[in-house]
């Protein structure tokens, strides 16, 4: 694959990068992140599961939003904080080096083996979330592939993301939503509620819907292929500061984002896969160029 930004139909920049190390917990705004076939490095590498090994999210426990991660690369640790508790430290090194046991876990319809992060992590999360649970780490030996229906034939592996390595949206989409919320007498919301990995600046509202391939001007070319529109659950209704849910965000989006591509489902942002450039460093401010498609 090669690219020429002069031939791009739309251009912009990387406005923000977000990594969510523990599925459904708070994210980390980063200035740069390594791009892997599974998405941004450390993204959704860990997951909380219940006693049956089934994934736990903010849909059931809204105050998962208060679990704040921090990556200490130099110290080799994932650090997790929660109000009223001592920080939890989890090694970044792959668990098989310490002979960690494995659990059979479920995320949506996928069933995989994952590394159990041990009793201390289980106790910490059980106390924080008010229910018995454990923390697991994705085992790279396992395979969770995105649906080939939406990847254009690209084999796209995932860790614990819902189904695709990346979620891409635009700052203009957040701005337009907030304009609609304010017009109806509601407070503006932070776009982090939508848990996107890449937020683009300089594009029109929801222009990501029409991009076939997004090129990023890194040290070597990066090509990201847009796949399935991201259907929305109630999580964007949850204020990550208060962990309180209110319906106005979802209700407002419902007024203008019913997506014929998913039989009228409410969508916001595009799931995406890595077509070229795994191993490259993405950085806020990099130029992007998009090739459009119109079905």
C-alpha atoms as a PDB file:
ATOM      1  CA  UNK A   1       0.000   0.000   0.000  1.00  0.00           C
ATOM      2  CA  UNK A   2       1.212   3.503  -0.790  1.00  0.00           C
ATOM      3  CA  UNK A   3      -0.389   6.867  -0.283  1.00  0.00           C
ATOM      4  CA  UNK A   4      -0.236  10.375  -1.619  1.00  0.00           C
ATOM      5  CA  UNK A   5      -1.757  12.963   0.696  1.00  0.00           C
ATOM      6  CA  UNK A   6      -2.234  15.252  -2.301  1.00  0.00           C
ATOM      7  CA  UNK A   7      -4.889  12.807  -3.522  1.00  0.00           C
ATOM      8  CA  UNK A   8      -6.811  12.714  -0.235  1.00  0.00           C
ATOM      9  CA  UNK A   9     -10.479  13.693  -0.396  1.00  0.00           C
ATOM     10  CA  UNK A  10     -10.405  15.086   3.151  1.00  0.00           C
ATOM     11  CA  UNK A  11      -7.535  16.146   5.390  1.00  0.00           C
ATOM     12  CA  UNK A  12      -7.085  16.928   9.060  1.00  0.00           C
ATOM     13  CA  UNK A  13      -4.951  16.070  12.051  1.00  0.00           C
ATOM     14  CA  UNK A  14      -4.920  13.660  14.951  1.00  0.00           C
ATOM     15  CA  UNK A  15      -6.623  15.748  17.628  1.00  0.00           C
ATOM     16  CA  UNK A  16      -6.496  13.292  20.519  1.00  0.00           C
ATOM     17  CA  UNK A  17      -5.408   9.760  21.358  1.00  0.00           C
ATOM     18  CA  UNK A  18      -7.005   7.709  24.121  1.00  0.00           C
ATOM     19  CA  UNK A  19      -5.949   4.386  25.621  1.00  0.00           C
ATOM     20  CA  UNK A  20      -8.292   2.386  27.854  1.00  0.00           C
ATOM     21  CA  UNK A  21      -6.066  -0.233  29.515  1.00  0.00           C
ATOM     22  CA  UNK A  22      -8.835  -1.926  31.542  1.00  0.00           C
ATOM     23  CA  UNK A  23     -12.019  -2.509  29.606  1.00  0.00           C
ATOM     24  CA  UNK A  24     -14.810  -0.154  30.748  1.00  0.00           C
ATOM     25  CA  UNK A  25     -12.628   1.708  33.256  1.00  0.00           C
ATOM     26  CA  UNK A  26     -11.354   5.261  32.769  1.00  0.00           C
ATOM     27  CA  UNK A  27      -9.052   6.107  29.887  1.00  0.00           C
ATOM     28  CA  UNK A  28      -5.711   7.832  29.529  1.00  0.00           C
ATOM     29  CA  UNK A  29      -5.229  10.791  27.214  1.00  0.00           C
ATOM     30  CA  UNK A  30      -1.815  10.345  25.590  1.00  0.00           C
ATOM     31  CA  UNK A  31       0.284  12.445  23.241  1.00  0.00           C
ATOM     32  CA  UNK A  32       1.617   9.385  21.444  1.00  0.00           C
ATOM     33  CA  UNK A  33       0.946   5.669  21.287  1.00  0.00           C
ATOM     34  CA  UNK A  34       2.412   2.714  19.458  1.00  0.00           C
ATOM     35  CA  UNK A  35       0.070   1.223  16.873  1.00  0.00           C
ATOM     36  CA  UNK A  36      -0.268  -2.561  17.027  1.00  0.00           C
ATOM     37  CA  UNK A  37      -2.431  -4.927  14.931  1.00  0.00           C
ATOM     38  CA  UNK A  38      -4.736  -5.050  17.986  1.00  0.00           C
ATOM     39  CA  UNK A  39      -4.978  -1.240  18.210  1.00  0.00           C
ATOM     40  CA  UNK A  40      -3.109   1.211  20.427  1.00  0.00           C
ATOM     41  CA  UNK A  41      -0.570  -0.348  22.771  1.00  0.00           C
ATOM     42  CA  UNK A  42      -2.088  -1.306  26.167  1.00  0.00           C
ATOM     43  CA  UNK A  43      -5.640  -0.638  24.986  1.00  0.00           C
ATOM     44  CA  UNK A  44      -8.153  -3.106  26.470  1.00  0.00           C
ATOM     45  CA  UNK A  45      -5.314  -5.443  27.476  1.00  0.00           C
ATOM     46  CA  UNK A  46      -7.012  -6.087  30.844  1.00  0.00           C
ATOM     47  CA  UNK A  47     -10.631  -6.843  31.734  1.00  0.00           C
ATOM     48  CA  UNK A  48     -12.734  -7.315  34.856  1.00  0.00           C
ATOM     49  CA  UNK A  49     -14.774 -10.531  35.013  1.00  0.00           C
ATOM     50  CA  UNK A  50     -17.351 -11.898  37.450  1.00  0.00           C
ATOM     51  CA  UNK A  51     -17.234 -15.240  39.245  1.00  0.00           C
ATOM     52  CA  UNK A  52     -18.373 -16.998  36.062  1.00  0.00           C
ATOM     53  CA  UNK A  53     -15.651 -15.343  33.988  1.00  0.00           C
ATOM     54  CA  UNK A  54     -18.097 -13.041  32.168  1.00  0.00           C
ATOM     55  CA  UNK A  55     -16.914  -9.512  31.453  1.00  0.00           C
ATOM     56  CA  UNK A  56     -18.145  -6.670  33.659  1.00  0.00           C
ATOM     57  CA  UNK A  57     -18.745  -3.174  32.261  1.00  0.00           C
ATOM     58  CA  UNK A  58     -20.199   0.199  33.194  1.00  0.00           C
ATOM     59  CA  UNK A  59     -23.542  -1.108  31.955  1.00  0.00           C
ATOM     60  CA  UNK A  60     -23.791  -3.046  35.218  1.00  0.00           C
ATOM     61  CA  UNK A  61     -21.392  -1.083  37.456  1.00  0.00           C
ATOM     62  CA  UNK A  62     -21.310   2.581  36.456  1.00  0.00           C
ATOM     63  CA  UNK A  63     -18.606   3.561  38.933  1.00  0.00           C
ATOM     64  CA  UNK A  64     -16.077   1.502  37.004  1.00  0.00           C
ATOM     65  CA  UNK A  65     -15.575   4.954  35.446  1.00  0.00           C
ATOM     66  CA  UNK A  66     -13.796   5.941  38.693  1.00  0.00           C
ATOM     67  CA  UNK A  67     -11.065   3.335  38.252  1.00  0.00           C
ATOM     68  CA  UNK A  68      -8.267   5.491  36.864  1.00  0.00           C
ATOM     69  CA  UNK A  69      -5.277   3.788  35.199  1.00  0.00           C
ATOM     70  CA  UNK A  70      -1.770   5.101  34.675  1.00  0.00           C
ATOM     71  CA  UNK A  71       0.973   3.420  32.650  1.00  0.00           C
ATOM     72  CA  UNK A  72       4.412   3.619  34.259  1.00  0.00           C
ATOM     73  CA  UNK A  73       6.584   2.323  31.432  1.00  0.00           C
ATOM     74  CA  UNK A  74       9.871   3.001  33.213  1.00  0.00           C
ATOM     75  CA  UNK A  75       8.681   1.162  36.303  1.00  0.00           C
ATOM     76  CA  UNK A  76       7.007  -1.571  34.252  1.00  0.00           C
ATOM     77  CA  UNK A  77       3.682  -1.132  36.036  1.00  0.00           C
ATOM     78  CA  UNK A  78       0.021  -0.477  35.353  1.00  0.00           C
ATOM     79  CA  UNK A  79      -1.107   1.653  38.298  1.00  0.00           C
ATOM     80  CA  UNK A  80      -4.809   1.775  39.187  1.00  0.00           C
ATOM     81  CA  UNK A  81      -6.457   4.219  41.564  1.00  0.00           C
ATOM     82  CA  UNK A  82      -9.958   4.335  43.059  1.00  0.00           C
ATOM     83  CA  UNK A  83     -11.369   6.774  45.633  1.00  0.00           C
ATOM     84  CA  UNK A  84     -10.723   5.610  49.195  1.00  0.00           C
ATOM     85  CA  UNK A  85      -8.374   2.762  48.270  1.00  0.00           C
ATOM     86  CA  UNK A  86      -4.627   2.327  48.035  1.00  0.00           C
ATOM     87  CA  UNK A  87      -3.331   2.201  44.465  1.00  0.00           C
ATOM     88  CA  UNK A  88      -3.036  -1.203  42.832  1.00  0.00           C
ATOM     89  CA  UNK A  89       0.117  -2.062  40.882  1.00  0.00           C
ATOM     90  CA  UNK A  90       0.029  -4.630  38.066  1.00  0.00           C
ATOM     91  CA  UNK A  91       3.184  -5.686  36.160  1.00  0.00           C
ATOM     92  CA  UNK A  92       3.223  -4.771  32.483  1.00  0.00           C
ATOM     93  CA  UNK A  93       5.366  -7.821  31.693  1.00  0.00           C
ATOM     94  CA  UNK A  94       3.405 -10.662  30.137  1.00  0.00           C
ATOM     95  CA  UNK A  95       2.088 -12.849  32.944  1.00  0.00           C
ATOM     96  CA  UNK A  96       3.422 -16.182  31.682  1.00  0.00           C
ATOM     97  CA  UNK A  97       6.833 -14.966  32.866  1.00  0.00           C
ATOM     98  CA  UNK A  98       5.493 -15.353  36.410  1.00  0.00           C
ATOM     99  CA  UNK A  99       3.509 -18.509  35.612  1.00  0.00           C
ATOM    100  CA  UNK A 100       0.180 -16.843  36.280  1.00  0.00           C
ATOM    101  CA  UNK A 101      -2.826 -19.189  36.126  1.00  0.00           C
ATOM    102  CA  UNK A 102      -5.390 -18.871  33.363  1.00  0.00           C
ATOM    103  CA  UNK A 103      -9.135 -18.420  33.477  1.00  0.00           C
ATOM    104  CA  UNK A 104     -11.701 -19.152  30.788  1.00  0.00           C
ATOM    105  CA  UNK A 105     -13.457 -15.827  30.196  1.00  0.00           C
ATOM    106  CA  UNK A 106     -16.221 -14.430  28.022  1.00  0.00           C
ATOM    107  CA  UNK A 107     -16.444 -11.070  26.271  1.00  0.00           C
ATOM    108  CA  UNK A 108     -19.646 -10.827  24.256  1.00  0.00           C
ATOM    109  CA  UNK A 109     -19.763 -14.052  22.201  1.00  0.00           C
ATOM    110  CA  UNK A 110     -16.018 -14.691  22.436  1.00  0.00           C
ATOM    111  CA  UNK A 111     -14.654 -17.307  24.830  1.00  0.00           C
ATOM    112  CA  UNK A 112     -10.891 -17.199  25.421  1.00  0.00           C
ATOM    113  CA  UNK A 113      -8.322 -18.079  28.035  1.00  0.00           C
ATOM    114  CA  UNK A 114      -6.825 -15.120  29.904  1.00  0.00           C
ATOM    115  CA  UNK A 115      -4.157 -14.614  32.547  1.00  0.00           C
ATOM    116  CA  UNK A 116      -5.510 -14.196  36.088  1.00  0.00           C
ATOM    117  CA  UNK A 117      -3.892 -11.190  37.792  1.00  0.00           C
ATOM    118  CA  UNK A 118      -4.138 -12.835  41.194  1.00  0.00           C
ATOM    119  CA  UNK A 119      -5.911 -12.519  44.551  1.00  0.00           C
ATOM    120  CA  UNK A 120      -4.680  -9.011  45.411  1.00  0.00           C
ATOM    121  CA  UNK A 121      -6.111  -7.581  42.182  1.00  0.00           C
ATOM    122  CA  UNK A 122      -9.317  -9.596  42.683  1.00  0.00           C
ATOM    123  CA  UNK A 123      -9.744  -8.240  46.221  1.00  0.00           C
ATOM    124  CA  UNK A 124      -9.001  -4.662  45.098  1.00  0.00           C
ATOM    125  CA  UNK A 125     -11.585  -4.722  42.300  1.00  0.00           C
ATOM    126  CA  UNK A 126     -14.165  -6.585  44.395  1.00  0.00           C
ATOM    127  CA  UNK A 127     -13.922  -3.862  47.049  1.00  0.00           C
ATOM    128  CA  UNK A 128     -14.039  -1.039  44.496  1.00  0.00           C
ATOM    129  CA  UNK A 129     -16.975  -2.410  42.524  1.00  0.00           C
ATOM    130  CA  UNK A 130     -18.912  -3.917  45.411  1.00  0.00           C
ATOM    131  CA  UNK A 131     -19.152  -7.376  43.871  1.00  0.00           C
ATOM    132  CA  UNK A 132     -16.965 -10.447  43.548  1.00  0.00           C
ATOM    133  CA  UNK A 133     -14.754 -10.115  40.486  1.00  0.00           C
ATOM    134  CA  UNK A 134     -11.270 -10.707  39.143  1.00  0.00           C
ATOM    135  CA  UNK A 135      -8.859  -8.900  36.826  1.00  0.00           C
ATOM    136  CA  UNK A 136      -7.509 -10.760  33.790  1.00  0.00           C
ATOM    137  CA  UNK A 137      -4.936  -9.985  31.093  1.00  0.00           C
ATOM    138  CA  UNK A 138      -5.398 -10.931  27.450  1.00  0.00           C
ATOM    139  CA  UNK A 139      -3.232 -13.835  26.314  1.00  0.00           C
ATOM    140  CA  UNK A 140      -1.699 -13.024  22.899  1.00  0.00           C
ATOM    141  CA  UNK A 141      -1.765 -16.733  22.084  1.00  0.00           C
ATOM    142  CA  UNK A 142      -5.562 -16.452  21.869  1.00  0.00           C
ATOM    143  CA  UNK A 143      -7.324 -15.214  18.743  1.00  0.00           C
ATOM    144  CA  UNK A 144     -10.276 -12.838  18.655  1.00  0.00           C
ATOM    145  CA  UNK A 145     -10.765 -11.662  15.082  1.00  0.00           C
ATOM    146  CA  UNK A 146     -13.029  -8.862  13.947  1.00  0.00           C
ATOM    147  CA  UNK A 147     -15.939  -9.862  11.728  1.00  0.00           C
ATOM    148  CA  UNK A 148     -14.635 -10.196   8.171  1.00  0.00           C
ATOM    149  CA  UNK A 149     -17.960  -8.754   6.975  1.00  0.00           C
ATOM    150  CA  UNK A 150     -16.676  -5.302   7.964  1.00  0.00           C
ATOM    151  CA  UNK A 151     -12.893  -5.502   7.546  1.00  0.00           C
ATOM    152  CA  UNK A 152     -12.537  -5.741   3.774  1.00  0.00           C
ATOM    153  CA  UNK A 153     -10.786  -9.085   4.128  1.00  0.00           C
ATOM    154  CA  UNK A 154      -8.195  -7.831   6.639  1.00  0.00           C
ATOM    155  CA  UNK A 155      -7.482 -10.251   9.488  1.00  0.00           C
ATOM    156  CA  UNK A 156      -7.897  -7.944  12.450  1.00  0.00           C
ATOM    157  CA  UNK A 157      -7.025  -9.347  15.894  1.00  0.00           C
ATOM    158  CA  UNK A 158      -8.444  -7.839  19.072  1.00  0.00           C
ATOM    159  CA  UNK A 159      -7.668  -7.980  22.737  1.00  0.00           C
ATOM    160  CA  UNK A 160     -10.687  -7.171  24.942  1.00  0.00           C
ATOM    161  CA  UNK A 161     -12.170  -4.419  22.748  1.00  0.00           C
ATOM    162  CA  UNK A 162     -15.805  -5.064  21.896  1.00  0.00           C
ATOM    163  CA  UNK A 163     -15.004  -6.212  18.384  1.00  0.00           C
ATOM    164  CA  UNK A 164     -12.513  -4.007  16.536  1.00  0.00           C
ATOM    165  CA  UNK A 165      -8.982  -2.743  17.247  1.00  0.00           C
ATOM    166  CA  UNK A 166      -9.755   0.983  16.962  1.00  0.00           C
ATOM    167  CA  UNK A 167     -12.613   3.412  17.370  1.00  0.00           C
ATOM    168  CA  UNK A 168     -12.343   6.646  15.390  1.00  0.00           C
ATOM    169  CA  UNK A 169     -14.468   9.779  15.563  1.00  0.00           C
ATOM    170  CA  UNK A 170     -14.175  13.552  15.128  1.00  0.00           C
ATOM    171  CA  UNK A 171     -14.055  16.537  17.451  1.00  0.00           C
ATOM    172  CA  UNK A 172     -16.685  18.171  15.231  1.00  0.00           C
ATOM    173  CA  UNK A 173     -19.097  15.334  16.034  1.00  0.00           C
ATOM    174  CA  UNK A 174     -18.710  16.087  19.750  1.00  0.00           C
ATOM    175  CA  UNK A 175     -19.197  19.812  19.104  1.00  0.00           C
ATOM    176  CA  UNK A 176     -22.359  19.211  17.082  1.00  0.00           C
ATOM    177  CA  UNK A 177     -23.784  16.938  19.780  1.00  0.00           C
ATOM    178  CA  UNK A 178     -23.120  19.594  22.415  1.00  0.00           C
ATOM    179  CA  UNK A 179     -24.828  22.236  20.294  1.00  0.00           C
ATOM    180  CA  UNK A 180     -27.916  20.027  20.152  1.00  0.00           C
ATOM    181  CA  UNK A 181     -27.774  19.331  23.890  1.00  0.00           C
ATOM    182  CA  UNK A 182     -27.500  23.038  24.717  1.00  0.00           C
ATOM    183  CA  UNK A 183     -30.366  23.888  22.354  1.00  0.00           C
ATOM    184  CA  UNK A 184     -32.545  21.525  24.407  1.00  0.00           C
ATOM    185  CA  UNK A 185     -31.447  22.995  27.730  1.00  0.00           C
ATOM    186  CA  UNK A 186     -28.943  20.288  28.671  1.00  0.00           C
ATOM    187  CA  UNK A 187     -25.348  20.613  29.805  1.00  0.00           C
ATOM    188  CA  UNK A 188     -22.497  19.901  27.413  1.00  0.00           C
ATOM    189  CA  UNK A 189     -20.660  16.586  27.769  1.00  0.00           C
ATOM    190  CA  UNK A 190     -17.065  15.487  27.361  1.00  0.00           C
ATOM    191  CA  UNK A 191     -16.377  13.386  24.279  1.00  0.00           C
ATOM    192  CA  UNK A 192     -14.424  10.864  26.375  1.00  0.00           C
ATOM    193  CA  UNK A 193     -17.812   9.290  27.162  1.00  0.00           C
ATOM    194  CA  UNK A 194     -17.676   7.776  23.682  1.00  0.00           C
ATOM    195  CA  UNK A 195     -14.395   5.990  24.444  1.00  0.00           C
ATOM    196  CA  UNK A 196     -12.790   6.576  21.042  1.00  0.00           C
ATOM    197  CA  UNK A 197      -9.098   5.826  20.528  1.00  0.00           C
ATOM    198  CA  UNK A 198      -8.512   8.403  17.780  1.00  0.00           C
ATOM    199  CA  UNK A 199     -10.280  11.760  17.608  1.00  0.00           C
ATOM    200  CA  UNK A 200      -9.730  13.692  14.373  1.00  0.00           C
ATOM    201  CA  UNK A 201      -9.607  17.465  14.024  1.00  0.00           C
ATOM    202  CA  UNK A 202     -10.378  19.399  10.863  1.00  0.00           C
ATOM    203  CA  UNK A 203     -13.047  17.083   9.459  1.00  0.00           C
ATOM    204  CA  UNK A 204     -16.755  17.754   9.108  1.00  0.00           C
ATOM    205  CA  UNK A 205     -19.258  16.383  11.595  1.00  0.00           C
ATOM    206  CA  UNK A 206     -19.249  12.571  11.353  1.00  0.00           C
ATOM    207  CA  UNK A 207     -17.186  12.663   8.167  1.00  0.00           C
ATOM    208  CA  UNK A 208     -15.523   9.474   9.415  1.00  0.00           C
ATOM    209  CA  UNK A 209     -18.726   7.710   8.308  1.00  0.00           C
ATOM    210  CA  UNK A 210     -17.685   8.145   4.682  1.00  0.00           C
ATOM    211  CA  UNK A 211     -13.953   7.438   4.885  1.00  0.00           C
ATOM    212  CA  UNK A 212     -12.783   4.197   3.361  1.00  0.00           C
ATOM    213  CA  UNK A 213      -9.091   4.479   4.283  1.00  0.00           C
ATOM    214  CA  UNK A 214      -7.548   6.943   6.700  1.00  0.00           C
ATOM    215  CA  UNK A 215      -3.869   7.662   6.153  1.00  0.00           C
ATOM    216  CA  UNK A 216      -1.735   8.963   9.017  1.00  0.00           C
ATOM    217  CA  UNK A 217       1.534  10.710   8.239  1.00  0.00           C
ATOM    218  CA  UNK A 218       3.832   8.868  10.658  1.00  0.00           C
ATOM    219  CA  UNK A 219       7.510   7.939  10.167  1.00  0.00           C
ATOM    220  CA  UNK A 220       6.219   5.309   7.745  1.00  0.00           C
ATOM    221  CA  UNK A 221       2.728   5.370   6.219  1.00  0.00           C
ATOM    222  CA  UNK A 222      -0.130   4.187   8.395  1.00  0.00           C
ATOM    223  CA  UNK A 223      -3.383   3.041   6.809  1.00  0.00           C
ATOM    224  CA  UNK A 224      -6.491   2.552   8.926  1.00  0.00           C
ATOM    225  CA  UNK A 225      -9.537   1.063   7.232  1.00  0.00           C
ATOM    226  CA  UNK A 226     -12.920   2.081   8.558  1.00  0.00           C
ATOM    227  CA  UNK A 227     -15.158  -0.879   9.186  1.00  0.00           C
ATOM    228  CA  UNK A 228     -18.404  -1.137  11.104  1.00  0.00           C
ATOM    229  CA  UNK A 229     -20.311   1.898  12.392  1.00  0.00           C
ATOM    230  CA  UNK A 230     -20.203   1.878  16.186  1.00  0.00           C
ATOM    231  CA  UNK A 231     -23.663   1.173  17.574  1.00  0.00           C
ATOM    232  CA  UNK A 232     -24.227   2.844  20.911  1.00  0.00           C
ATOM    233  CA  UNK A 233     -25.204   1.358  24.263  1.00  0.00           C
ATOM    234  CA  UNK A 234     -26.168   3.405  27.374  1.00  0.00           C
ATOM    235  CA  UNK A 235     -22.552   4.027  28.485  1.00  0.00           C
ATOM    236  CA  UNK A 236     -22.363   7.542  26.902  1.00  0.00           C
ATOM    237  CA  UNK A 237     -25.224   8.485  29.235  1.00  0.00           C
ATOM    238  CA  UNK A 238     -22.890   7.960  32.218  1.00  0.00           C
ATOM    239  CA  UNK A 239     -21.069  11.018  33.512  1.00  0.00           C
ATOM    240  CA  UNK A 240     -17.551   9.682  34.237  1.00  0.00           C
ATOM    241  CA  UNK A 241     -17.072  12.255  37.021  1.00  0.00           C
ATOM    242  CA  UNK A 242     -20.173  11.282  38.998  1.00  0.00           C
ATOM    243  CA  UNK A 243     -20.923   7.778  37.634  1.00  0.00           C
ATOM    244  CA  UNK A 244     -24.539   8.938  37.332  1.00  0.00           C
ATOM    245  CA  UNK A 245     -26.546   8.045  34.242  1.00  0.00           C
ATOM    246  CA  UNK A 246     -29.109  10.294  32.620  1.00  0.00           C
ATOM    247  CA  UNK A 247     -30.831   9.727  29.274  1.00  0.00           C
ATOM    248  CA  UNK A 248     -30.386  13.060  27.495  1.00  0.00           C
ATOM    249  CA  UNK A 249     -27.210  12.103  25.619  1.00  0.00           C
ATOM    250  CA  UNK A 250     -28.661   8.923  24.151  1.00  0.00           C
ATOM    251  CA  UNK A 251     -32.027  10.550  23.544  1.00  0.00           C
ATOM    252  CA  UNK A 252     -30.410  13.436  21.658  1.00  0.00           C
ATOM    253  CA  UNK A 253     -28.264  11.165  19.498  1.00  0.00           C
ATOM    254  CA  UNK A 254     -31.372   9.111  18.728  1.00  0.00           C
ATOM    255  CA  UNK A 255     -32.886  12.185  17.084  1.00  0.00           C
ATOM    256  CA  UNK A 256     -30.297  12.339  14.290  1.00  0.00           C
ATOM    257  CA  UNK A 257     -28.033   9.279  14.249  1.00  0.00           C
ATOM    258  CA  UNK A 258     -30.298   6.391  13.233  1.00  0.00           C
ATOM    259  CA  UNK A 259     -28.050   4.461  10.863  1.00  0.00           C
ATOM    260  CA  UNK A 260     -29.485   2.602   7.876  1.00  0.00           C
ATOM    261  CA  UNK A 261     -26.261   0.587   7.604  1.00  0.00           C
ATOM    262  CA  UNK A 262     -27.213  -1.121  10.875  1.00  0.00           C
ATOM    263  CA  UNK A 263     -30.975  -1.261  10.325  1.00  0.00           C
ATOM    264  CA  UNK A 264     -31.638   1.972  12.156  1.00  0.00           C
ATOM    265  CA  UNK A 265     -29.355   1.414  15.145  1.00  0.00           C
ATOM    266  CA  UNK A 266     -27.947   4.520  16.824  1.00  0.00           C
ATOM    267  CA  UNK A 267     -24.286   4.966  15.827  1.00  0.00           C
ATOM    268  CA  UNK A 268     -21.507   7.400  16.736  1.00  0.00           C
ATOM    269  CA  UNK A 269     -17.969   6.873  15.428  1.00  0.00           C
ATOM    270  CA  UNK A 270     -16.472   4.146  13.275  1.00  0.00           C
ATOM    271  CA  UNK A 271     -14.801   0.916  14.278  1.00  0.00           C
ATOM    272  CA  UNK A 272     -11.566   0.503  12.355  1.00  0.00           C
ATOM    273  CA  UNK A 273      -8.762  -1.955  11.625  1.00  0.00           C
ATOM    274  CA  UNK A 274      -5.060  -1.570  10.921  1.00  0.00           C
ATOM    275  CA  UNK A 275      -4.275  -2.161   7.245  1.00  0.00           C
ATOM    276  CA  UNK A 276      -0.676  -0.884   7.246  1.00  0.00           C
ATOM    277  CA  UNK A 277       1.803   0.593   9.670  1.00  0.00           C
ATOM    278  CA  UNK A 278       1.647  -1.663  12.723  1.00  0.00           C
ATOM    279  CA  UNK A 279       4.639  -0.732  14.875  1.00  0.00           C
ATOM    280  CA  UNK A 280       4.490   2.954  13.972  1.00  0.00           C
ATOM    281  CA  UNK A 281       4.060   5.705  16.542  1.00  0.00           C
ATOM    282  CA  UNK A 282       0.855   7.735  16.348  1.00  0.00           C
ATOM    283  CA  UNK A 283       1.096  11.253  17.737  1.00  0.00           C
ATOM    284  CA  UNK A 284      -1.307  14.088  18.402  1.00  0.00           C
ATOM    285  CA  UNK A 285      -0.894  16.650  15.630  1.00  0.00           C
ATOM    286  CA  UNK A 286       0.031  14.210  12.854  1.00  0.00           C
ATOM    287  CA  UNK A 287      -1.544  14.929   9.486  1.00  0.00           C
ATOM    288  CA  UNK A 288      -4.270  12.598   8.259  1.00  0.00           C
ATOM    289  CA  UNK A 289      -5.857  12.176   4.855  1.00  0.00           C
ATOM    290  CA  UNK A 290      -8.972  10.261   4.001  1.00  0.00           C
ATOM    291  CA  UNK A 291     -10.189   8.516   0.878  1.00  0.00           C
ATOM    292  CA  UNK A 292     -13.967   8.690   0.788  1.00  0.00           C
ATOM    293  CA  UNK A 293     -16.508   6.062  -0.181  1.00  0.00           C
ATOM    294  CA  UNK A 294     -20.170   6.547  -0.922  1.00  0.00           C
ATOM    295  CA  UNK A 295     -22.389   3.465  -0.862  1.00  0.00           C
END
